[in-house]
Full PDB file with SEQRES, HELIX, SHEET, SSBOND, CRYST1, ORIGX, SCALE, CONECT and MASTER records, all heavy atoms in Angstrom:
SEQRES   1 A   37  LYS ALA GLY ASP VAL LEU GLY ALA PRO ALA GLY GLY PRO          
SEQRES   2 A   37  GLU THR ALA HIS GLN ILE ILE ASN THR GLY THR ALA THR          
SEQRES   3 A   37  LEU VAL TYR LEU GLY ILE SER THR MET ALA THR                  
HELIX    1 AA1 PRO A   13  THR A   15  5                                   3    
CRYST1    1.000    1.000    1.000  90.00  90.00  90.00 P 1           1          
ORIGX1      1.000000  0.000000  0.000000        0.00000                         
ORIGX2      0.000000  1.000000  0.000000        0.00000                         
ORIGX3      0.000000  0.000000  1.000000        0.00000                         
SCALE1      1.000000  0.000000  0.000000        0.00000                         
SCALE2      0.000000  1.000000  0.000000        0.00000                         
SCALE3      0.000000  0.000000  1.000000        0.00000                         
ATOM      1  N   LYS A   1     -62.721  95.527  71.833  1.00  0.00           N  
ATOM      2  CA  LYS A   1     -63.100  96.406  72.907  1.00  0.00           C  
ATOM      3  C   LYS A   1     -64.401  95.904  73.532  1.00  0.00           C  
ATOM      4  O   LYS A   1     -65.058  95.001  72.985  1.00  0.00           O  
ATOM      5  CB  LYS A   1     -63.253  97.815  72.462  1.00  0.00           C  
ATOM      6  CG  LYS A   1     -64.372  98.011  71.472  1.00  0.00           C  
ATOM      7  CD  LYS A   1     -64.425  99.494  70.933  1.00  0.00           C  
ATOM      8  CE  LYS A   1     -65.550  99.728  70.016  1.00  0.00           C  
ATOM      9  NZ  LYS A   1     -65.754  98.768  68.941  1.00  0.00           N  
ATOM     10  N   ALA A   2     -64.789  96.467  74.672  1.00  0.00           N  
ATOM     11  CA  ALA A   2     -66.023  96.081  75.310  1.00  0.00           C  
ATOM     12  C   ALA A   2     -67.157  96.190  74.382  1.00  0.00           C  
ATOM     13  O   ALA A   2     -67.283  97.067  73.576  1.00  0.00           O  
ATOM     14  CB  ALA A   2     -66.248  97.041  76.526  1.00  0.00           C  
ATOM     15  N   GLY A   3     -68.013  95.120  74.408  1.00  0.00           N  
ATOM     16  CA  GLY A   3     -69.186  95.001  73.571  1.00  0.00           C  
ATOM     17  C   GLY A   3     -68.926  94.128  72.333  1.00  0.00           C  
ATOM     18  O   GLY A   3     -69.881  93.757  71.634  1.00  0.00           O  
ATOM     19  N   ASP A   4     -67.726  93.863  72.044  1.00  0.00           N  
ATOM     20  CA  ASP A   4     -67.416  93.041  70.824  1.00  0.00           C  
ATOM     21  C   ASP A   4     -67.717  91.582  71.095  1.00  0.00           C  
ATOM     22  O   ASP A   4     -67.472  91.070  72.187  1.00  0.00           O  
ATOM     23  CB  ASP A   4     -65.955  93.158  70.409  1.00  0.00           C  
ATOM     24  CG  ASP A   4     -65.607  94.504  69.726  1.00  0.00           C  
ATOM     25  OD1 ASP A   4     -66.564  95.196  69.364  1.00  0.00           O  
ATOM     26  OD2 ASP A   4     -64.417  94.841  69.610  1.00  0.00           O  
ATOM     27  N   VAL A   5     -68.196  90.918  70.040  1.00  0.00           N  
ATOM     28  CA  VAL A   5     -68.404  89.468  70.050  1.00  0.00           C  
ATOM     29  C   VAL A   5     -67.496  88.842  69.077  1.00  0.00           C  
ATOM     30  O   VAL A   5     -67.434  89.284  67.936  1.00  0.00           O  
ATOM     31  CB  VAL A   5     -69.911  89.155  69.714  1.00  0.00           C  
ATOM     32  CG1 VAL A   5     -70.157  87.686  69.677  1.00  0.00           C  
ATOM     33  CG2 VAL A   5     -70.870  89.843  70.663  1.00  0.00           C  
ATOM     34  N   LEU A   6     -66.753  87.812  69.482  1.00  0.00           N  
ATOM     35  CA  LEU A   6     -65.727  87.190  68.667  1.00  0.00           C  
ATOM     36  C   LEU A   6     -66.113  85.762  68.363  1.00  0.00           C  
ATOM     37  O   LEU A   6     -66.524  85.027  69.320  1.00  0.00           O  
ATOM     38  CB  LEU A   6     -64.369  87.185  69.411  1.00  0.00           C  
ATOM     39  CG  LEU A   6     -64.027  88.443  70.216  1.00  0.00           C  
ATOM     40  CD1 LEU A   6     -62.771  88.229  71.027  1.00  0.00           C  
ATOM     41  CD2 LEU A   6     -63.888  89.652  69.321  1.00  0.00           C  
ATOM     42  N   GLY A   7     -65.970  85.340  67.205  1.00  0.00           N  
ATOM     43  CA  GLY A   7     -66.338  83.978  66.797  1.00  0.00           C  
ATOM     44  C   GLY A   7     -65.047  83.174  66.457  1.00  0.00           C  
ATOM     45  O   GLY A   7     -64.177  83.710  65.734  1.00  0.00           O  
ATOM     46  N   ALA A   8     -65.003  81.989  66.912  1.00  0.00           N  
ATOM     47  CA  ALA A   8     -63.880  81.029  66.603  1.00  0.00           C  
ATOM     48  C   ALA A   8     -64.449  79.707  66.278  1.00  0.00           C  
ATOM     49  O   ALA A   8     -64.551  78.796  67.162  1.00  0.00           O  
ATOM     50  CB  ALA A   8     -62.937  80.959  67.755  1.00  0.00           C  
ATOM     51  N   PRO A   9     -64.911  79.470  65.013  1.00  0.00           N  
ATOM     52  CA  PRO A   9     -65.504  78.225  64.628  1.00  0.00           C  
ATOM     53  C   PRO A   9     -64.491  77.087  64.607  1.00  0.00           C  
ATOM     54  O   PRO A   9     -63.300  77.335  64.479  1.00  0.00           O  
ATOM     55  CB  PRO A   9     -66.123  78.496  63.309  1.00  0.00           C  
ATOM     56  CG  PRO A   9     -65.323  79.625  62.735  1.00  0.00           C  
ATOM     57  CD  PRO A   9     -64.908  80.457  63.948  1.00  0.00           C  
ATOM     58  N   ALA A  10     -64.989  75.895  64.721  1.00  0.00           N  
ATOM     59  CA  ALA A  10     -64.083  74.714  64.598  1.00  0.00           C  
ATOM     60  C   ALA A  10     -63.498  74.719  63.196  1.00  0.00           C  
ATOM     61  O   ALA A  10     -64.089  75.165  62.205  1.00  0.00           O  
ATOM     62  CB  ALA A  10     -64.923  73.438  64.817  1.00  0.00           C  
ATOM     63  N   GLY A  11     -62.263  74.218  63.086  1.00  0.00           N  
ATOM     64  CA  GLY A  11     -61.599  74.168  61.801  1.00  0.00           C  
ATOM     65  C   GLY A  11     -60.116  73.905  61.976  1.00  0.00           C  
ATOM     66  O   GLY A  11     -59.654  73.472  63.029  1.00  0.00           O  
ATOM     67  N   GLY A  12     -59.389  74.169  60.918  1.00  0.00           N  
ATOM     68  CA  GLY A  12     -57.938  73.992  60.935  1.00  0.00           C  
ATOM     69  C   GLY A  12     -57.225  75.251  61.434  1.00  0.00           C  
ATOM     70  O   GLY A  12     -57.861  76.143  62.024  1.00  0.00           O  
ATOM     71  N   PRO A  13     -55.932  75.361  61.125  1.00  0.00           N  
ATOM     72  CA  PRO A  13     -55.159  76.534  61.524  1.00  0.00           C  
ATOM     73  C   PRO A  13     -55.735  77.866  61.091  1.00  0.00           C  
ATOM     74  O   PRO A  13     -55.461  78.896  61.711  1.00  0.00           O  
ATOM     75  CB  PRO A  13     -53.766  76.299  60.943  1.00  0.00           C  
ATOM     76  CG  PRO A  13     -53.653  74.754  60.816  1.00  0.00           C  
ATOM     77  CD  PRO A  13     -55.126  74.303  60.467  1.00  0.00           C  
ATOM     78  N   GLU A  14     -56.516  77.870  60.047  1.00  0.00           N  
ATOM     79  CA  GLU A  14     -57.156  79.118  59.574  1.00  0.00           C  
ATOM     80  C   GLU A  14     -58.128  79.672  60.592  1.00  0.00           C  
ATOM     81  O   GLU A  14     -58.460  80.855  60.534  1.00  0.00           O  
ATOM     82  CB  GLU A  14     -57.821  78.925  58.203  1.00  0.00           C  
ATOM     83  CG  GLU A  14     -59.096  78.162  58.225  1.00  0.00           C  
ATOM     84  CD  GLU A  14     -58.940  76.611  58.305  1.00  0.00           C  
ATOM     85  OE1 GLU A  14     -57.801  76.110  58.359  1.00  0.00           O  
ATOM     86  OE2 GLU A  14     -59.997  75.935  58.401  1.00  0.00           O  
ATOM     87  N   THR A  15     -58.553  78.842  61.573  1.00  0.00           N  
ATOM     88  CA  THR A  15     -59.439  79.379  62.582  1.00  0.00           C  
ATOM     89  C   THR A  15     -58.754  79.399  63.936  1.00  0.00           C  
ATOM     90  O   THR A  15     -59.418  79.618  64.974  1.00  0.00           O  
ATOM     91  CB  THR A  15     -60.681  78.453  62.754  1.00  0.00           C  
ATOM     92  OG1 THR A  15     -60.316  77.192  63.153  1.00  0.00           O  
ATOM     93  CG2 THR A  15     -61.477  78.334  61.417  1.00  0.00           C  
ATOM     94  N   ALA A  16     -57.437  79.301  63.935  1.00  0.00           N  
ATOM     95  CA  ALA A  16     -56.671  79.416  65.198  1.00  0.00           C  
ATOM     96  C   ALA A  16     -56.903  80.824  65.799  1.00  0.00           C  
ATOM     97  O   ALA A  16     -57.050  81.792  65.052  1.00  0.00           O  
ATOM     98  CB  ALA A  16     -55.211  79.143  64.959  1.00  0.00           C  
ATOM     99  N   HIS A  17     -56.941  80.880  67.099  1.00  0.00           N  
ATOM    100  CA  HIS A  17     -57.323  82.142  67.747  1.00  0.00           C  
ATOM    101  C   HIS A  17     -56.652  82.304  69.106  1.00  0.00           C  
ATOM    102  O   HIS A  17     -56.214  81.327  69.714  1.00  0.00           O  
ATOM    103  CB  HIS A  17     -58.845  82.275  67.855  1.00  0.00           C  
ATOM    104  CG  HIS A  17     -59.386  81.070  68.606  1.00  0.00           C  
ATOM    105  ND1 HIS A  17     -59.618  79.839  67.963  1.00  0.00           N  
ATOM    106  CD2 HIS A  17     -59.762  80.859  69.914  1.00  0.00           C  
ATOM    107  CE1 HIS A  17     -60.152  78.959  68.865  1.00  0.00           C  
ATOM    108  NE2 HIS A  17     -60.229  79.580  70.028  1.00  0.00           N  
ATOM    109  N   GLN A  18     -56.544  83.578  69.511  1.00  0.00           N  
ATOM    110  CA  GLN A  18     -55.994  83.902  70.827  1.00  0.00           C  
ATOM    111  C   GLN A  18     -56.416  85.332  71.130  1.00  0.00           C  
ATOM    112  O   GLN A  18     -56.424  86.240  70.246  1.00  0.00           O  
ATOM    113  CB  GLN A  18     -54.454  83.825  70.740  1.00  0.00           C  
ATOM    114  CG  GLN A  18     -53.741  84.266  72.008  1.00  0.00           C  
ATOM    115  CD  GLN A  18     -52.233  84.136  71.828  1.00  0.00           C  
ATOM    116  OE1 GLN A  18     -51.673  84.558  70.784  1.00  0.00           O  
ATOM    117  NE2 GLN A  18     -51.487  83.688  72.855  1.00  0.00           N  
ATOM    118  N   ILE A  19     -56.729  85.572  72.364  1.00  0.00           N  
ATOM    119  CA  ILE A  19     -57.093  86.900  72.856  1.00  0.00           C  
ATOM    120  C   ILE A  19     -55.939  87.427  73.698  1.00  0.00           C  
ATOM    121  O   ILE A  19     -55.500  86.764  74.615  1.00  0.00           O  
ATOM    122  CB  ILE A  19     -58.371  86.920  73.681  1.00  0.00           C  
ATOM    123  CG1 ILE A  19     -59.551  86.397  72.822  1.00  0.00           C  
ATOM    124  CG2 ILE A  19     -58.680  88.253  74.280  1.00  0.00           C  
ATOM    125  CD1 ILE A  19     -60.836  86.180  73.545  1.00  0.00           C  
ATOM    126  N   ILE A  20     -55.460  88.631  73.342  1.00  0.00           N  
ATOM    127  CA  ILE A  20     -54.284  89.251  74.005  1.00  0.00           C  
ATOM    128  C   ILE A  20     -54.707  90.620  74.547  1.00  0.00           C  
ATOM    129  O   ILE A  20     -55.313  91.427  73.819  1.00  0.00           O  
ATOM    130  CB  ILE A  20     -53.118  89.400  73.014  1.00  0.00           C  
ATOM    131  CG1 ILE A  20     -52.799  88.081  72.372  1.00  0.00           C  
ATOM    132  CG2 ILE A  20     -51.925  90.083  73.737  1.00  0.00           C  
ATOM    133  CD1 ILE A  20     -51.898  88.192  71.130  1.00  0.00           C  
ATOM    134  N   ASN A  21     -54.420  90.894  75.779  1.00  0.00           N  
ATOM    135  CA  ASN A  21     -54.718  92.188  76.380  1.00  0.00           C  
ATOM    136  C   ASN A  21     -53.624  93.187  75.946  1.00  0.00           C  
ATOM    137  O   ASN A  21     -52.509  93.021  76.425  1.00  0.00           O  
ATOM    138  CB  ASN A  21     -54.837  92.097  77.898  1.00  0.00           C  
ATOM    139  CG  ASN A  21     -55.233  93.418  78.507  1.00  0.00           C  
ATOM    140  OD1 ASN A  21     -55.111  94.488  77.878  1.00  0.00           O  
ATOM    141  ND2 ASN A  21     -55.636  93.358  79.766  1.00  0.00           N  
ATOM    142  N   THR A  22     -53.910  94.104  75.092  1.00  0.00           N  
ATOM    143  CA  THR A  22     -52.976  95.139  74.631  1.00  0.00           C  
ATOM    144  C   THR A  22     -53.235  96.457  75.329  1.00  0.00           C  
ATOM    145  O   THR A  22     -52.529  97.422  75.039  1.00  0.00           O  
ATOM    146  CB  THR A  22     -53.067  95.331  73.111  1.00  0.00           C  
ATOM    147  OG1 THR A  22     -54.432  95.768  72.760  1.00  0.00           O  
ATOM    148  CG2 THR A  22     -52.726  94.049  72.350  1.00  0.00           C  
ATOM    149  N   GLY A  23     -54.155  96.524  76.247  1.00  0.00           N  
ATOM    150  CA  GLY A  23     -54.451  97.720  76.949  1.00  0.00           C  
ATOM    151  C   GLY A  23     -53.691  97.850  78.261  1.00  0.00           C  
ATOM    152  O   GLY A  23     -52.774  97.107  78.565  1.00  0.00           O  
ATOM    153  N   THR A  24     -54.088  98.857  79.050  1.00  0.00           N  
ATOM    154  CA  THR A  24     -53.465  99.171  80.318  1.00  0.00           C  
ATOM    155  C   THR A  24     -54.362  98.740  81.524  1.00  0.00           C  
ATOM    156  O   THR A  24     -53.917  98.868  82.636  1.00  0.00           O  
ATOM    157  CB  THR A  24     -53.124 100.668  80.436  1.00  0.00           C  
ATOM    158  OG1 THR A  24     -54.319 101.416  80.290  1.00  0.00           O  
ATOM    159  CG2 THR A  24     -52.112 101.054  79.387  1.00  0.00           C  
ATOM    160  N   ALA A  25     -55.568  98.288  81.232  1.00  0.00           N  
ATOM    161  CA  ALA A  25     -56.488  97.812  82.255  1.00  0.00           C  
ATOM    162  C   ALA A  25     -56.785  96.323  82.033  1.00  0.00           C  
ATOM    163  O   ALA A  25     -56.512  95.758  80.939  1.00  0.00           O  
ATOM    164  CB  ALA A  25     -57.778  98.614  82.206  1.00  0.00           C  
ATOM    165  N   THR A  26     -57.381  95.698  83.022  1.00  0.00           N  
ATOM    166  CA  THR A  26     -57.756  94.300  82.859  1.00  0.00           C  
ATOM    167  C   THR A  26     -58.763  94.050  81.750  1.00  0.00           C  
ATOM    168  O   THR A  26     -59.711  94.816  81.591  1.00  0.00           O  
ATOM    169  CB  THR A  26     -58.326  93.793  84.194  1.00  0.00           C  
ATOM    170  OG1 THR A  26     -57.327  93.947  85.220  1.00  0.00           O  
ATOM    171  CG2 THR A  26     -58.755  92.305  84.126  1.00  0.00           C  
ATOM    172  N   LEU A  27     -58.531  93.071  80.922  1.00  0.00           N  
ATOM    173  CA  LEU A  27     -59.454  92.661  79.855  1.00  0.00           C  
ATOM    174  C   LEU A  27     -60.353  91.585  80.442  1.00  0.00           C  
ATOM    175  O   LEU A  27     -59.881  90.558  80.965  1.00  0.00           O  
ATOM    176  CB  LEU A  27     -58.669  92.152  78.653  1.00  0.00           C  
ATOM    177  CG  LEU A  27     -59.502  91.626  77.476  1.00  0.00           C  
ATOM    178  CD1 LEU A  27     -60.312  92.734  76.837  1.00  0.00           C  
ATOM    179  CD2 LEU A  27     -58.554  90.987  76.431  1.00  0.00           C  
ATOM    180  N   VAL A  28     -61.643  91.802  80.385  1.00  0.00           N  
ATOM    181  CA  VAL A  28     -62.629  90.882  80.945  1.00  0.00           C  
ATOM    182  C   VAL A  28     -63.552  90.361  79.831  1.00  0.00           C  
ATOM    183  O   VAL A  28     -64.070  91.188  79.056  1.00  0.00           O  
ATOM    184  CB  VAL A  28     -63.522  91.581  82.043  1.00  0.00           C  
ATOM    185  CG1 VAL A  28     -64.479  90.584  82.666  1.00  0.00           C  
ATOM    186  CG2 VAL A  28     -62.587  92.175  83.087  1.00  0.00           C  
ATOM    187  N   TYR A  29     -63.689  89.050  79.754  1.00  0.00           N  
ATOM    188  CA  TYR A  29     -64.525  88.505  78.732  1.00  0.00           C  
ATOM    189  C   TYR A  29     -65.187  87.177  79.149  1.00  0.00           C  
ATOM    190  O   TYR A  29     -64.662  86.471  80.075  1.00  0.00           O  
ATOM    191  CB  TYR A  29     -63.818  88.310  77.420  1.00  0.00           C  
ATOM    192  CG  TYR A  29     -62.623  87.403  77.427  1.00  0.00           C  
ATOM    193  CD1 TYR A  29     -62.759  86.052  77.187  1.00  0.00           C  
ATOM    194  CD2 TYR A  29     -61.332  87.866  77.699  1.00  0.00           C  
ATOM    195  CE1 TYR A  29     -61.664  85.191  77.224  1.00  0.00           C  
ATOM    196  CE2 TYR A  29     -60.234  87.077  77.721  1.00  0.00           C  
ATOM    197  CZ  TYR A  29     -60.400  85.690  77.458  1.00  0.00           C  
ATOM    198  OH  TYR A  29     -59.328  84.894  77.500  1.00  0.00           O  
ATOM    199  N   LEU A  30     -66.266  86.814  78.508  1.00  0.00           N  
ATOM    200  CA  LEU A  30     -66.876  85.497  78.698  1.00  0.00           C  
ATOM    201  C   LEU A  30     -66.473  84.625  77.502  1.00  0.00           C  
ATOM    202  O   LEU A  30     -66.366  85.109  76.372  1.00  0.00           O  
ATOM    203  CB  LEU A  30     -68.426  85.617  78.656  1.00  0.00           C  
ATOM    204  CG  LEU A  30     -69.114  86.215  79.858  1.00  0.00           C  
ATOM    205  CD1 LEU A  30     -70.658  86.203  79.623  1.00  0.00           C  
ATOM    206  CD2 LEU A  30     -68.840  85.451  81.143  1.00  0.00           C  
ATOM    207  N   GLY A  31     -66.177  83.364  77.778  1.00  0.00           N  
ATOM    208  CA  GLY A  31     -65.891  82.404  76.723  1.00  0.00           C  
ATOM    209  C   GLY A  31     -67.005  81.387  76.740  1.00  0.00           C  
ATOM    210  O   GLY A  31     -67.339  80.859  77.795  1.00  0.00           O  
ATOM    211  N   ILE A  32     -67.612  81.146  75.572  1.00  0.00           N  
ATOM    212  CA  ILE A  32     -68.742  80.194  75.469  1.00  0.00           C  
ATOM    213  C   ILE A  32     -68.355  79.199  74.430  1.00  0.00           C  
ATOM    214  O   ILE A  32     -67.912  79.599  73.308  1.00  0.00           O  
ATOM    215  CB  ILE A  32     -70.032  80.889  75.117  1.00  0.00           C  
ATOM    216  CG1 ILE A  32     -70.345  81.986  76.211  1.00  0.00           C  
ATOM    217  CG2 ILE A  32     -71.139  79.989  74.927  1.00  0.00           C  
ATOM    218  CD1 ILE A  32     -71.398  82.964  75.864  1.00  0.00           C  
ATOM    219  N   SER A  33     -68.504  77.927  74.649  1.00  0.00           N  
ATOM    220  CA  SER A  33     -68.162  76.915  73.669  1.00  0.00           C  
ATOM    221  C   SER A  33     -69.075  75.690  73.713  1.00  0.00           C  
ATOM    222  O   SER A  33     -69.672  75.420  74.721  1.00  0.00           O  
ATOM    223  CB  SER A  33     -66.731  76.427  73.915  1.00  0.00           C  
ATOM    224  OG  SER A  33     -66.660  75.654  75.128  1.00  0.00           O  
ATOM    225  N   THR A  34     -69.145  75.050  72.528  1.00  0.00           N  
ATOM    226  CA  THR A  34     -69.831  73.773  72.525  1.00  0.00           C  
ATOM    227  C   THR A  34     -68.885  72.798  73.229  1.00  0.00           C  
ATOM    228  O   THR A  34     -67.703  73.025  73.405  1.00  0.00           O  
ATOM    229  CB  THR A  34     -70.003  73.281  71.051  1.00  0.00           C  
ATOM    230  OG1 THR A  34     -68.765  73.325  70.391  1.00  0.00           O  
ATOM    231  CG2 THR A  34     -71.013  74.183  70.331  1.00  0.00           C  
ATOM    232  N   MET A  35     -69.453  71.741  73.801  1.00  0.00           N  
ATOM    233  CA  MET A  35     -68.653  70.785  74.599  1.00  0.00           C  
ATOM    234  C   MET A  35     -68.679  69.453  73.890  1.00  0.00           C  
ATOM    235  O   MET A  35     -69.705  68.756  73.950  1.00  0.00           O  
ATOM    236  CB  MET A  35     -69.294  70.691  75.983  1.00  0.00           C  
ATOM    237  CG  MET A  35     -69.203  71.977  76.830  1.00  0.00           C  
ATOM    238  SD  MET A  35     -67.562  72.407  77.307  1.00  0.00           S  
ATOM    239  CE  MET A  35     -67.297  71.232  78.594  1.00  0.00           C  
ATOM    240  N   ALA A  36     -67.580  69.061  73.291  1.00  0.00           N  
ATOM    241  CA  ALA A  36     -67.492  67.804  72.611  1.00  0.00           C  
ATOM    242  C   ALA A  36     -66.891  66.771  73.513  1.00  0.00           C  
ATOM    243  O   ALA A  36     -66.000  67.076  74.341  1.00  0.00           O  
ATOM    244  CB  ALA A  36     -66.602  67.950  71.325  1.00  0.00           C  
ATOM    245  N   THR A  37     -67.339  65.543  73.436  1.00  0.00           N  
ATOM    246  CA  THR A  37     -66.752  64.445  74.185  1.00  0.00           C  
ATOM    247  C   THR A  37     -65.357  64.230  73.790  1.00  0.00           C  
ATOM    248  O   THR A  37     -64.489  63.893  74.626  1.00  0.00           O  
ATOM    249  CB  THR A  37     -67.633  63.165  73.996  1.00  0.00           C  
ATOM    250  OG1 THR A  37     -68.936  63.458  74.424  1.00  0.00           O  
ATOM    251  CG2 THR A  37     -67.097  62.004  74.826  1.00  0.00           C  
TER     252      THR A  37                                                      
MASTER        0    0    0    1    0    0    0    6  251    1    0    3          
END                                                                             
């Protein structure tokens, strides 16, 4: 929900992730990542 911070560290399938909107309104979020070459 609004205010939550989600972490997805680098790794194998155990760190696989996806954000799904299960609500009735638009889900808005910022995504921040390290940038690897």
